[in-house]
C-alpha atoms as a PDB file:
ATOM      1  CA  MET A   1       0.000   0.000   0.000  1.00  0.00           C
ATOM      2  CA  ALA A   2       1.285   3.470  -0.867  1.00  0.00           C
ATOM      3  CA  GLU A   3       2.477   5.617   2.021  1.00  0.00           C
ATOM      4  CA  ASN A   4       3.766   9.134   2.460  1.00  0.00           C
ATOM      5  CA  ILE A   5       7.512   8.494   2.651  1.00  0.00           C
ATOM      6  CA  THR A   6       9.130   9.909   5.787  1.00  0.00           C
ATOM      7  CA  ASN A   7      12.787  10.275   6.797  1.00  0.00           C
ATOM      8  CA  LEU A   8      13.661  11.913   3.491  1.00  0.00           C
ATOM      9  CA  ARG A   9      16.885  13.880   3.356  1.00  0.00           C
ATOM     10  CA  ILE A  10      18.431  16.424   1.030  1.00  0.00           C
ATOM     11  CA  SER A  11      21.646  14.906  -0.329  1.00  0.00           C
ATOM     12  CA  MET A  12      22.542  17.667  -2.823  1.00  0.00           C
ATOM     13  CA  VAL A  13      21.464  21.197  -3.639  1.00  0.00           C
ATOM     14  CA  THR A  14      22.979  23.546  -6.225  1.00  0.00           C
ATOM     15  CA  SER A  15      22.529  26.743  -4.242  1.00  0.00           C
ATOM     16  CA  GLY A  16      21.671  27.867  -0.794  1.00  0.00           C
ATOM     17  CA  ASP A  17      20.924  30.742   1.489  1.00  0.00           C
ATOM     18  CA  PRO A  18      21.517  30.022   5.192  1.00  0.00           C
ATOM     19  CA  ARG A  19      18.328  31.942   6.013  1.00  0.00           C
ATOM     20  CA  PHE A  20      16.282  29.534   3.859  1.00  0.00           C
ATOM     21  CA  PRO A  21      18.008  26.113   4.003  1.00  0.00           C
ATOM     22  CA  ALA A  22      17.134  23.199   1.747  1.00  0.00           C
ATOM     23  CA  GLU A  23      15.934  21.108   4.696  1.00  0.00           C
ATOM     24  CA  ASN A  24      12.919  23.439   4.907  1.00  0.00           C
ATOM     25  CA  MET A  25      11.468  21.624   1.880  1.00  0.00           C
ATOM     26  CA  LEU A  26      11.108  18.453   3.955  1.00  0.00           C
ATOM     27  CA  ASP A  27       9.761  19.838   7.242  1.00  0.00           C
ATOM     28  CA  GLY A  28       6.126  19.140   6.300  1.00  0.00           C
ATOM     29  CA  THR A  29       4.911  22.737   6.219  1.00  0.00           C
ATOM     30  CA  THR A  30       4.496  25.338   3.501  1.00  0.00           C
ATOM     31  CA  LYS A  31       5.368  28.164   5.913  1.00  0.00           C
ATOM     32  CA  THR A  32       9.113  27.602   5.477  1.00  0.00           C
ATOM     33  CA  PHE A  33      11.025  27.260   2.216  1.00  0.00           C
ATOM     34  CA  TRP A  34      14.320  26.830   0.381  1.00  0.00           C
ATOM     35  CA  ALA A  35      15.261  29.801  -1.787  1.00  0.00           C
ATOM     36  CA  SER A  36      17.324  29.473  -4.939  1.00  0.00           C
ATOM     37  CA  THR A  37      20.059  32.038  -5.449  1.00  0.00           C
ATOM     38  CA  GLY A  38      19.378  32.842  -9.084  1.00  0.00           C
ATOM     39  CA  LEU A  39      20.546  31.419 -12.414  1.00  0.00           C
ATOM     40  CA  PHE A  40      18.986  28.293 -13.856  1.00  0.00           C
ATOM     41  CA  PRO A  41      18.865  25.372 -13.802  1.00  0.00           C
ATOM     42  CA  GLN A  42      18.736  24.768 -10.048  1.00  0.00           C
ATOM     43  CA  GLU A  43      18.689  21.206  -8.704  1.00  0.00           C
ATOM     44  CA  PHE A  44      18.238  19.310  -5.486  1.00  0.00           C
ATOM     45  CA  ILE A  45      18.303  15.600  -4.750  1.00  0.00           C
ATOM     46  CA  VAL A  46      16.072  13.951  -2.170  1.00  0.00           C
ATOM     47  CA  SER A  47      17.344  10.611  -0.851  1.00  0.00           C
ATOM     48  CA  LEU A  48      14.768   8.073   0.300  1.00  0.00           C
ATOM     49  CA  PRO A  49      15.358   5.875   3.378  1.00  0.00           C
ATOM     50  CA  ALA A  50      14.878   2.692   1.313  1.00  0.00           C
ATOM     51  CA  TYR A  51      13.987   1.651  -2.225  1.00  0.00           C
ATOM     52  CA  TYR A  52      10.459   2.749  -3.101  1.00  0.00           C
ATOM     53  CA  VAL A  53       8.238   2.434  -6.139  1.00  0.00           C
ATOM     54  CA  ILE A  54       7.139   6.045  -6.505  1.00  0.00           C
ATOM     55  CA  LYS A  55       3.385   6.538  -6.826  1.00  0.00           C
ATOM     56  CA  LYS A  56       2.990  10.301  -6.430  1.00  0.00           C
ATOM     57  CA  VAL A  57       5.135  13.421  -6.114  1.00  0.00           C
ATOM     58  CA  SER A  58       3.846  16.807  -4.922  1.00  0.00           C
ATOM     59  CA  ILE A  59       5.785  20.091  -4.916  1.00  0.00           C
ATOM     60  CA  TRP A  60       4.702  23.408  -3.402  1.00  0.00           C
ATOM     61  CA  SER A  61       6.724  26.262  -4.921  1.00  0.00           C
ATOM     62  CA  MET A  62       6.770  29.904  -6.001  1.00  0.00           C
ATOM     63  CA  LYS A  63       7.939  31.478  -9.262  1.00  0.00           C
ATOM     64  CA  VAL A  64       9.023  28.155 -10.832  1.00  0.00           C
ATOM     65  CA  ALA A  65       8.429  28.131 -14.602  1.00  0.00           C
ATOM     66  CA  GLY A  66       9.573  24.594 -15.398  1.00  0.00           C
ATOM     67  CA  TRP A  67      10.146  21.360 -13.455  1.00  0.00           C
ATOM     68  CA  THR A  68      11.877  18.138 -14.392  1.00  0.00           C
ATOM     69  CA  VAL A  69      11.763  15.244 -11.928  1.00  0.00           C
ATOM     70  CA  SER A  70      14.096  12.256 -12.340  1.00  0.00           C
ATOM     71  CA  ARG A  71      14.891   9.154 -10.347  1.00  0.00           C
ATOM     72  CA  SER A  72      17.994   7.089  -9.737  1.00  0.00           C
ATOM     73  CA  THR A  73      17.582   3.335  -9.530  1.00  0.00           C
ATOM     74  CA  GLY A  74      20.933   2.738  -7.825  1.00  0.00           C
ATOM     75  CA  ASP A  75      22.099   3.291  -4.254  1.00  0.00           C
ATOM     76  CA  ALA A  76      24.170   6.332  -5.243  1.00  0.00           C
ATOM     77  CA  PRO A  77      22.511   9.490  -6.591  1.00  0.00           C
ATOM     78  CA  PHE A  78      23.770   9.078 -10.163  1.00  0.00           C
ATOM     79  CA  ASP A  79      22.346   8.014 -13.536  1.00  0.00           C
ATOM     80  CA  PHE A  80      18.923   9.615 -13.326  1.00  0.00           C
ATOM     81  CA  ASP A  81      15.959   8.825 -15.599  1.00  0.00           C
ATOM     82  CA  GLU A  82      13.377  11.538 -16.222  1.00  0.00           C
ATOM     83  CA  ILE A  83       9.918  10.620 -14.933  1.00  0.00           C
ATOM     84  CA  TYR A  84       8.110  13.971 -15.221  1.00  0.00           C
ATOM     85  CA  ARG A  85       8.416  17.336 -16.952  1.00  0.00           C
ATOM     86  CA  GLU A  86       6.092  20.326 -16.807  1.00  0.00           C
ATOM     87  CA  ASP A  87       6.082  24.014 -17.653  1.00  0.00           C
ATOM     88  CA  ILE A  88       4.135  26.101 -15.139  1.00  0.00           C
ATOM     89  CA  GLU A  89       2.294  29.371 -15.647  1.00  0.00           C
ATOM     90  CA  ASP A  90       3.093  32.274 -13.364  1.00  0.00           C
ATOM     91  CA  ALA A  91       0.538  32.750 -10.589  1.00  0.00           C
ATOM     92  CA  GLY A  92       1.270  36.474 -10.861  1.00  0.00           C
ATOM     93  CA  ASP A  93       1.252  37.089  -7.131  1.00  0.00           C
ATOM     94  CA  GLN A  94       2.692  35.361  -4.087  1.00  0.00           C
ATOM     95  CA  SER A  95       0.444  32.298  -4.439  1.00  0.00           C
ATOM     96  CA  LEU A  96       1.892  28.840  -4.017  1.00  0.00           C
ATOM     97  CA  GLN A  97       2.132  26.716  -7.133  1.00  0.00           C
ATOM     98  CA  VAL A  98       1.167  23.114  -6.438  1.00  0.00           C
ATOM     99  CA  THR A  99       2.629  20.630  -8.895  1.00  0.00           C
ATOM    100  CA  SER A 100       1.514  17.054  -8.379  1.00  0.00           C
ATOM    101  CA  PHE A 101       1.754  13.972 -10.544  1.00  0.00           C
ATOM    102  CA  SER A 102       1.018  10.274 -10.149  1.00  0.00           C
ATOM    103  CA  ILE A 103       2.638   7.251 -11.714  1.00  0.00           C
ATOM    104  CA  SER A 104       0.104   4.523 -12.435  1.00  0.00           C
ATOM    105  CA  SER A 105       0.794   0.808 -12.256  1.00  0.00           C
ATOM    106  CA  SER A 106       0.503   0.653 -16.057  1.00  0.00           C
ATOM    107  CA  ASP A 107       3.266   3.240 -16.540  1.00  0.00           C
ATOM    108  CA  SER A 108       6.461   1.640 -17.862  1.00  0.00           C
ATOM    109  CA  LYS A 109       8.537   3.736 -15.437  1.00  0.00           C
ATOM    110  CA  ARG A 110       6.807   2.045 -12.484  1.00  0.00           C
ATOM    111  CA  GLU A 111       8.854  -1.117 -12.926  1.00  0.00           C
ATOM    112  CA  TYR A 112      11.884   0.650 -11.448  1.00  0.00           C
ATOM    113  CA  SER A 113      12.172   1.628  -7.847  1.00  0.00           C
ATOM    114  CA  ALA A 114      14.087   4.674  -6.685  1.00  0.00           C
ATOM    115  CA  LYS A 115      16.470   5.485  -3.870  1.00  0.00           C
ATOM    116  CA  ASN A 116      17.075   9.098  -4.972  1.00  0.00           C
ATOM    117  CA  VAL A 117      14.850  11.659  -6.690  1.00  0.00           C
ATOM    118  CA  LYS A 118      16.299  14.698  -8.478  1.00  0.00           C
ATOM    119  CA  PHE A 119      14.244  17.863  -8.877  1.00  0.00           C
ATOM    120  CA  THR A 120      15.388  20.340 -11.524  1.00  0.00           C
ATOM    121  CA  ILE A 121      14.034  23.858 -11.786  1.00  0.00           C
ATOM    122  CA  ARG A 122      14.736  24.431 -15.474  1.00  0.00           C
ATOM    123  CA  LYS A 123      13.553  28.047 -15.495  1.00  0.00           C
ATOM    124  CA  GLY A 124      11.848  30.602 -13.296  1.00  0.00           C
ATOM    125  CA  HIS A 125       9.326  33.428 -13.580  1.00  0.00           C
ATOM    126  CA  SER A 126      11.725  35.510 -11.482  1.00  0.00           C
ATOM    127  CA  ASP A 127      15.448  35.544 -10.763  1.00  0.00           C
ATOM    128  CA  PHE A 128      14.728  33.669  -7.542  1.00  0.00           C
ATOM    129  CA  THR A 129      12.406  30.755  -6.867  1.00  0.00           C
ATOM    130  CA  ALA A 130      11.265  29.094  -3.664  1.00  0.00           C
ATOM    131  CA  VAL A 131      10.316  25.517  -2.847  1.00  0.00           C
ATOM    132  CA  HIS A 132       8.143  25.289   0.246  1.00  0.00           C
ATOM    133  CA  ARG A 133       7.467  21.581   0.445  1.00  0.00           C
ATOM    134  CA  VAL A 134       8.155  18.286  -1.307  1.00  0.00           C
ATOM    135  CA  ALA A 135       6.149  15.126  -0.603  1.00  0.00           C
ATOM    136  CA  ILE A 136       6.712  11.688  -2.126  1.00  0.00           C
ATOM    137  CA  THR A 137       4.275   8.790  -1.830  1.00  0.00           C
ATOM    138  CA  GLY A 138       5.259   5.241  -2.674  1.00  0.00           C
ATOM    139  CA  GLU A 139       5.402   1.576  -1.831  1.00  0.00           C
ATOM    140  CA  ILE A 140       8.510   0.041  -0.356  1.00  0.00           C
ATOM    141  CA  ASP A 141      10.180  -2.228  -2.913  1.00  0.00           C
ATOM    142  CA  ALA A 142      10.572  -5.358  -0.779  1.00  0.00           C
ATOM    143  CA  SER A 143      12.575  -7.297  -3.374  1.00  0.00           C
ATOM    144  CA  ARG A 144      15.096  -4.459  -3.859  1.00  0.00           C
ATOM    145  CA  GLU A 145      15.422  -3.958  -0.100  1.00  0.00           C
ATOM    146  CA  SER A 146      15.981  -7.703   0.367  1.00  0.00           C
ATOM    147  CA  GLU A 147      18.705  -7.639  -2.310  1.00  0.00           C
ATOM    148  CA  ARG A 148      20.330  -4.656  -0.622  1.00  0.00           C
ATOM    149  CA  LYS A 149      20.230  -6.324   2.802  1.00  0.00           C
ATOM    150  CA  ASN A 150      21.724  -9.544   1.395  1.00  0.00           C
ATOM    151  CA  LYS A 151      24.506  -7.592  -0.331  1.00  0.00           C
ATOM    152  CA  LYS A 152      25.345  -5.785   2.918  1.00  0.00           C
ATOM    153  CA  GLU A 153      25.488  -9.131   4.747  1.00  0.00           C
ATOM    154  CA  ARG A 154      27.754 -10.618   2.042  1.00  0.00           C
ATOM    155  CA  ASP A 155      30.023  -7.568   2.157  1.00  0.00           C
ATOM    156  CA  LEU A 156      30.205  -7.768   5.951  1.00  0.00           C
ATOM    157  CA  ALA A 157      31.040 -11.485   5.808  1.00  0.00           C
ATOM    158  CA  ALA A 158      33.766 -10.810   3.218  1.00  0.00           C
ATOM    159  CA  ASP A 159      35.227  -8.084   5.447  1.00  0.00           C
ATOM    160  CA  GLU A 160      35.223 -10.467   8.417  1.00  0.00           C
ATOM    161  CA  ASP A 161      36.962 -13.133   6.293  1.00  0.00           C
ATOM    162  CA  GLU A 162      39.642 -10.618   5.305  1.00  0.00           C
ATOM    163  CA  LEU A 163      40.152  -9.682   8.944  1.00  0.00           C
ATOM    164  CA  SER A 164      40.496 -13.304  10.061  1.00  0.00           C
ATOM    165  CA  VAL A 165      42.976 -14.030   7.247  1.00  0.00           C
ATOM    166  CA  GLY A 166      44.908 -10.914   8.251  1.00  0.00           C
ATOM    167  CA  ARG A 167      45.015 -12.089  11.864  1.00  0.00           C
ATOM    168  CA  ALA A 168      46.259 -15.506  10.825  1.00  0.00           C
ATOM    169  CA  VAL A 169      49.045 -13.944   8.789  1.00  0.00           C
ATOM    170  CA  ARG A 170      50.086 -11.693  11.651  1.00  0.00           C
ATOM    171  CA  VAL A 171      50.248 -14.601  14.105  1.00  0.00           C
ATOM    172  CA  HIS A 172      52.879 -16.445  12.045  1.00  0.00           C
END
């Protein structure tokens, strides 16, 4: 069953203002925000606590003229595949723009789970944009998480084997 994913973290952001840090996008409220520092594109990467099949993404922003959302199917935040792109009209005032999209089970992109999601502000209606909140809904990918857990266990066992071989060598 799809759930609102918690324990998200910002793993990369292309600009920042200490008065409006990137972590504000994940605090669950639209009263705080991250402010870009001008020039486009601007990007930020949200890392998920586990592998999830993404069902829905929602973004509350101001003065954003174009979004691209991509996902990485590996542990590291590299090699992103675009899953959504939209140009947004200017609200003309200080109204929040709400951008939301769903990925249905029939969508070919659903077959891949994600560990990292990259948000790209391609262009703005102003020199500066603001992102007030990001929410991601999804289902945990049990098979991917099981693979990841097994790999960690194998890596740990290999490390322990190396240590025991090293001890045996040192004893002689």
